[in-house]
Structure formats: structure tokens, C-alpha cells
Amino acid sequence: MHTAEHTTAIEIQRCIDACLNCYEVCVRTTEHWFKLRGKHVGGSQLRALSDCVAICQTNAGFMRRGSQFQARTCAVCAEISRECERECARVDDEQMQRCAEACRRCADACERMAGVAA
């Protein structure tokens, strides 16, 4: 039987993993987006990807350190990941759809952690 602390530790690690995976997928997707759109790339997808890369990396760090602010960073990470999921899902492209899925998994994990830690 798992203790509440053990379950929380497992959930924290799952959330960190989801954030780091989302970070990596968003970085690859940003590179893909530049190849797809050329040097004049911009718009809402690029902003969403850039925001998601930054917050996922930041949130993973907050969680690794056991920061007192991790519930708040998880909530913000979930919100930004949901936005990136929506933006990527709008593009009919395999890599963009993979990114939307990674963002969804990250947002789901972060929402759970924000609720647990709140």
C-alpha cells in the first residue's frame, strides 16, 4: 500500500516528466514550424510554442526543488500548455498534432498537481 507522501512523490515525478517531454516536443515543433513556414514564420502558434517551452522548463525546475510556489507554477503551466495544445491542434500536420498531444498530457498532469498542492 502506498502512503499519501509516496503517491504525491510519484505524481510529482510524472508531472515533471510530462513537463520535460512537452518542453522537448515543443522545441522540436518550433524547429519544424520554421521549416514549414520559412523565415517569415510568426503568429499565434509560434508565440504559444515559445511560451510553452519556457514555462515547462521553469515549472519542472520549481517542482524538482519542491518550491513553495509549485502549485501556482503548475496552474500557469497548465493554462499555457492548454493554449499551445489549441494552437497546435489547429494545424493539419503530424508534428503539430504530436505537439498538441504532449501539451494535453502536460496540462492534465499540471492541473492534477495544482489541485493536489493547492
Protein backbone atom coordinates (compact mmCIF):
# COMPACT_ATOMS: atom_id res chain seq x y z
CA MET A 1 0.00 0.00 0.00
CA HIS A 2 1.29 3.44 -0.92
CA THR A 3 1.36 6.30 1.52
CA ALA A 4 -0.05 9.71 0.57
CA GLU A 5 3.51 11.08 0.51
CA HIS A 6 4.64 8.29 -1.83
CA THR A 7 1.70 8.87 -4.15
CA THR A 8 2.44 12.58 -4.18
CA ALA A 9 6.10 11.90 -4.98
CA ILE A 10 5.06 9.67 -7.87
CA GLU A 11 2.60 12.27 -9.15
CA ILE A 12 5.24 14.99 -8.89
CA GLN A 13 7.68 12.90 -10.90
CA ARG A 14 5.01 12.15 -13.52
CA CYS A 15 4.27 15.86 -13.80
CA ILE A 16 7.98 16.71 -14.12
CA ASP A 17 8.31 14.06 -16.83
CA ALA A 18 5.25 15.40 -18.67
CA CYS A 19 6.64 18.95 -18.49
CA LEU A 20 10.06 17.90 -19.77
CA ASN A 21 8.52 15.84 -22.55
CA CYS A 22 6.31 18.77 -23.53
CA TYR A 23 9.34 21.07 -23.47
CA GLU A 24 11.28 18.74 -25.80
CA VAL A 25 8.37 18.23 -28.19
CA CYS A 26 7.67 21.98 -28.33
CA VAL A 27 11.34 22.71 -29.11
CA ARG A 28 11.26 20.17 -31.98
CA THR A 29 7.91 21.53 -33.14
CA THR A 30 9.25 25.09 -33.16
CA GLU A 31 12.09 23.95 -35.43
CA HIS A 32 9.55 22.12 -37.60
CA TRP A 33 7.32 25.21 -37.73
CA PHE A 34 10.24 27.29 -39.05
CA LYS A 35 10.91 24.68 -41.76
CA LEU A 36 7.20 24.56 -42.61
CA ARG A 37 6.65 28.32 -42.73
CA GLY A 38 10.07 29.69 -43.69
CA LYS A 39 11.88 32.73 -42.41
CA HIS A 40 8.67 34.78 -42.15
CA VAL A 41 7.21 32.49 -39.51
CA GLY A 42 5.28 34.10 -36.73
CA GLY A 43 1.82 34.27 -35.34
CA SER A 44 -0.08 32.65 -32.55
CA GLN A 45 1.43 29.16 -32.94
CA LEU A 46 4.99 30.41 -32.55
CA ARG A 47 4.09 32.52 -29.52
CA ALA A 48 2.26 29.58 -27.93
CA LEU A 49 5.19 27.23 -28.58
CA SER A 50 7.71 29.72 -27.18
CA ASP A 51 5.62 30.32 -24.06
CA CYS A 52 5.13 26.59 -23.55
CA VAL A 53 8.86 25.85 -23.89
CA ALA A 54 9.68 28.50 -21.28
CA ILE A 55 7.02 27.56 -18.71
CA CYS A 56 7.55 23.80 -18.97
CA GLN A 57 11.25 24.17 -18.26
CA THR A 58 10.57 26.62 -15.44
CA ASN A 59 7.83 24.51 -13.88
CA ALA A 60 9.95 21.35 -13.93
CA GLY A 61 12.63 23.25 -12.02
CA PHE A 62 10.17 24.55 -9.44
CA MET A 63 8.86 21.03 -8.89
CA ARG A 64 12.32 19.46 -8.68
CA ARG A 65 13.25 21.94 -5.97
CA GLY A 66 10.00 21.40 -4.09
CA SER A 67 9.31 25.12 -4.32
CA GLN A 68 6.55 26.57 -2.20
CA PHE A 69 5.28 28.15 -5.43
CA GLN A 70 4.93 24.93 -7.42
CA ALA A 71 1.13 24.82 -7.17
CA ARG A 72 0.98 28.25 -8.81
CA THR A 73 3.57 27.43 -11.46
CA CYS A 74 1.69 24.20 -12.21
CA ALA A 75 -1.53 26.16 -12.67
CA VAL A 76 0.16 28.62 -15.06
CA CYS A 77 1.91 25.77 -16.89
CA ALA A 78 -1.43 24.02 -17.35
CA GLU A 79 -3.02 27.18 -18.75
CA ILE A 80 -0.18 27.86 -21.19
CA SER A 81 0.01 24.19 -22.23
CA ARG A 82 -3.74 24.20 -22.98
CA GLU A 83 -3.28 27.27 -25.18
CA CYS A 84 -0.38 25.64 -27.02
CA GLU A 85 -2.47 22.47 -27.42
CA ARG A 86 -5.26 24.52 -29.05
CA GLU A 87 -2.87 26.38 -31.35
CA CYS A 88 -1.03 23.27 -32.49
CA ALA A 89 -4.25 21.28 -32.95
CA ARG A 90 -5.47 23.90 -35.45
CA VAL A 91 -2.69 22.96 -37.90
CA ASP A 92 -3.23 19.87 -40.05
CA ASP A 93 0.28 18.50 -39.68
CA GLU A 94 1.55 15.34 -37.98
CA GLN A 95 4.23 17.06 -35.87
CA MET A 96 1.81 19.78 -34.78
CA GLN A 97 -0.70 17.11 -33.72
CA ARG A 98 2.02 15.28 -31.74
CA CYS A 99 2.80 18.55 -30.02
CA ALA A 100 -0.86 19.14 -29.20
CA GLU A 101 -0.96 15.71 -27.56
CA ALA A 102 2.20 16.36 -25.50
CA CYS A 103 0.73 19.69 -24.39
CA ARG A 104 -2.53 17.98 -23.39
CA ARG A 105 -0.68 15.40 -21.27
CA CYS A 106 1.36 18.16 -19.63
CA ALA A 107 -1.71 20.28 -18.90
CA ASP A 108 -3.55 17.28 -17.44
CA ALA A 109 -0.62 16.45 -15.13
CA CYS A 110 -0.14 20.08 -14.09
CA GLU A 111 -3.84 20.52 -13.35
CA ARG A 112 -3.73 17.46 -11.09
CA MET A 113 -0.67 18.84 -9.29
CA ALA A 114 -2.15 22.30 -8.90
CA GLY A 115 -5.17 20.67 -7.26
CA VAL A 116 -3.07 18.40 -5.05
CA ALA A 117 -0.69 21.13 -3.93
CA ALA A 118 -3.29 23.88 -3.53
